[in-house]
Amino acid sequence: MTEPDSTPVLRAGDADRERAVATLRHAVVEGRLTLEEFGDRVGAAYESRTELELARLVDDLPARTVATGAPVVEHRALFSHLVRNGPLRLPARTAFRSLFGTIDLDLRQATLEAPEVEIAVHNIFGTVTVLVPEGTDVVVDGGTGLFASLRLDTTTSVPTAGGPVVRIAATGIGGTLNVRTREPKRLVQRLLGSAP
């Protein structure tokens, strides 16, 4: 008969939780976790009471850092509609240009290549919508130029401590920039191809 495991279950301390969060942060930068997965695991890490619970959150991840370069990847919507969604990789620096165009950028399944990514949005009389997961730390610079409007709807989403930062630098005239954590019904329809 096998004897029961007598290994004591050790209580986790704040330092243990922070080490687990650091491992998760490196994993999301490397593309091993999506932003949503990162948020879920970080929430569970801060609620963990034992070292065993923390170990289960990171046992499929290597604990290491990553060096990232910063080339700018550019996308354009010129009198057109550009959609980027799904499990895409977001470089440290990305530029989106809209000239009388529509851009829908859904980052809920994205993986980031740096702890802080910069999205430069140059929008001239277009509409750019950036959808981020709950708990993402979003910083928006600009977006309120001549005839431009900015709608920032992340008020119900508290940034995850120690998580990645998405920095949006907006320029241009007459454009609309929407940054939100929940998609409106019409965006759902557009992404599914069912809009009239």
Foldseek 3Di string as FASTA:
>chain_A
DDDDDPDDWAFDDPVLLVQLLLQLQQCLLVLNAAPQLSVVLNVQSVVGTTSVSSCVSPVVTDRDHDDADADEAEEEFECEEAEDDDAEEAEQHYEYEYHQYEYEAERRNYGYNDLEHEYEYEYEQYEYEYAYAAQEAEAEADQPPALGEEAEANVVGHHRPPGGYYYYYYHYYNYYYYYHHDDDPQVVCVVVVNHD
